[in-house]
Amino acid sequence: MKPLSFDEFLLASGYEQLREHLSKLTLSDEPQPAITTKAEELLREYFITGGMPSIVANYIVNATAIL
């Protein structure tokens, strides 16, 4: 088993629209602070979980229960 990609992590976390938005960005696009902040928050979560599928699944279930 290998780690999820960040794209896969976004899909598993329910952030498909953010994933689609990020995939369309180019280097010349002006970053939007709200999107950048959310993407950075999710990237930290991705790094913390290591992207491992079972850990990500457990994290999503438990993080959602806390919120």
C-alpha atoms as a PDB file:
ATOM      1  CA  MET A   1       0.000   0.000   0.000  1.00  0.00           C
ATOM      2  CA  LYS A   2       1.327   3.435  -0.868  1.00  0.00           C
ATOM      3  CA  PRO A   3       0.430   6.902   0.441  1.00  0.00           C
ATOM      4  CA  LEU A   4      -2.345   8.958  -1.114  1.00  0.00           C
ATOM      5  CA  SER A   5      -1.367  11.881  -3.284  1.00  0.00           C
ATOM      6  CA  PHE A   6      -2.455  15.315  -2.074  1.00  0.00           C
ATOM      7  CA  ASP A   7      -5.149  15.260  -4.804  1.00  0.00           C
ATOM      8  CA  GLU A   8      -6.467  11.960  -3.445  1.00  0.00           C
ATOM      9  CA  PHE A   9      -6.338  13.359   0.092  1.00  0.00           C
ATOM     10  CA  LEU A  10      -8.463  16.336  -0.978  1.00  0.00           C
ATOM     11  CA  LEU A  11     -11.011  14.023  -2.601  1.00  0.00           C
ATOM     12  CA  ALA A  12     -11.163  11.771   0.461  1.00  0.00           C
ATOM     13  CA  SER A  13     -11.599  14.829   2.684  1.00  0.00           C
ATOM     14  CA  GLY A  14     -14.510  16.149   0.643  1.00  0.00           C
ATOM     15  CA  TYR A  15     -12.647  19.038  -0.986  1.00  0.00           C
ATOM     16  CA  GLU A  16     -13.191  18.131  -4.645  1.00  0.00           C
ATOM     17  CA  GLN A  17     -13.922  21.741  -5.661  1.00  0.00           C
ATOM     18  CA  LEU A  18     -10.689  22.940  -4.056  1.00  0.00           C
ATOM     19  CA  ARG A  19      -8.786  20.163  -5.821  1.00  0.00           C
ATOM     20  CA  GLU A  20     -10.304  21.185  -9.153  1.00  0.00           C
ATOM     21  CA  HIS A  21      -9.511  24.845  -8.529  1.00  0.00           C
ATOM     22  CA  LEU A  22      -5.900  24.100  -7.600  1.00  0.00           C
ATOM     23  CA  SER A  23      -5.423  21.897 -10.664  1.00  0.00           C
ATOM     24  CA  LYS A  24      -6.408  24.801 -12.943  1.00  0.00           C
ATOM     25  CA  LEU A  25      -4.026  27.352 -11.414  1.00  0.00           C
ATOM     26  CA  THR A  26      -1.010  28.584 -13.347  1.00  0.00           C
ATOM     27  CA  LEU A  27       2.085  30.400 -12.098  1.00  0.00           C
ATOM     28  CA  SER A  28       0.719  33.697 -13.421  1.00  0.00           C
ATOM     29  CA  ASP A  29      -2.525  33.447 -11.398  1.00  0.00           C
ATOM     30  CA  GLU A  30      -2.884  35.738  -8.397  1.00  0.00           C
ATOM     31  CA  PRO A  31      -3.341  33.615  -5.252  1.00  0.00           C
ATOM     32  CA  GLN A  32      -6.565  34.210  -3.320  1.00  0.00           C
ATOM     33  CA  PRO A  33      -5.877  34.441   0.426  1.00  0.00           C
ATOM     34  CA  ALA A  34      -8.904  32.392   1.510  1.00  0.00           C
ATOM     35  CA  ILE A  35      -8.058  29.553  -0.868  1.00  0.00           C
ATOM     36  CA  THR A  36      -4.372  29.686   0.000  1.00  0.00           C
ATOM     37  CA  THR A  37      -5.140  29.543   3.726  1.00  0.00           C
ATOM     38  CA  LYS A  38      -7.442  26.521   3.355  1.00  0.00           C
ATOM     39  CA  ALA A  39      -5.013  24.720   1.022  1.00  0.00           C
ATOM     40  CA  GLU A  40      -2.145  25.272   3.485  1.00  0.00           C
ATOM     41  CA  GLU A  41      -4.288  23.985   6.371  1.00  0.00           C
ATOM     42  CA  LEU A  42      -5.156  20.837   4.423  1.00  0.00           C
ATOM     43  CA  LEU A  43      -1.561  20.356   3.310  1.00  0.00           C
ATOM     44  CA  ARG A  44      -0.471  20.383   6.976  1.00  0.00           C
ATOM     45  CA  GLU A  45      -3.119  17.738   7.736  1.00  0.00           C
ATOM     46  CA  TYR A  46      -1.858  15.691   4.774  1.00  0.00           C
ATOM     47  CA  PHE A  47       1.722  15.894   6.043  1.00  0.00           C
ATOM     48  CA  ILE A  48       0.684  14.988   9.603  1.00  0.00           C
ATOM     49  CA  THR A  49      -1.206  11.880   8.477  1.00  0.00           C
ATOM     50  CA  GLY A  50       1.573  10.914   6.099  1.00  0.00           C
ATOM     51  CA  GLY A  51      -1.054  10.306   3.425  1.00  0.00           C
ATOM     52  CA  MET A  52      -1.470   6.691   4.486  1.00  0.00           C
ATOM     53  CA  PRO A  53      -4.996   5.577   3.496  1.00  0.00           C
ATOM     54  CA  SER A  54      -6.037   3.939   6.778  1.00  0.00           C
ATOM     55  CA  ILE A  55      -4.685   6.816   8.862  1.00  0.00           C
ATOM     56  CA  VAL A  56      -6.340   9.392   6.593  1.00  0.00           C
ATOM     57  CA  ALA A  57      -9.672   7.557   6.824  1.00  0.00           C
ATOM     58  CA  ASN A  58      -9.433   7.403  10.609  1.00  0.00           C
ATOM     59  CA  TYR A  59      -8.377  11.063  10.803  1.00  0.00           C
ATOM     60  CA  ILE A  60     -11.295  12.186   8.610  1.00  0.00           C
ATOM     61  CA  VAL A  61     -13.839  10.273  10.702  1.00  0.00           C
ATOM     62  CA  ASN A  62     -12.451  11.528  14.014  1.00  0.00           C
ATOM     63  CA  ALA A  63     -11.759  15.112  12.908  1.00  0.00           C
ATOM     64  CA  THR A  64     -15.309  15.389  11.581  1.00  0.00           C
ATOM     65  CA  ALA A  65     -16.718  13.998  14.834  1.00  0.00           C
ATOM     66  CA  ILE A  66     -14.841  16.653  16.831  1.00  0.00           C
ATOM     67  CA  LEU A  67     -16.140  19.496  14.669  1.00  0.00           C
END
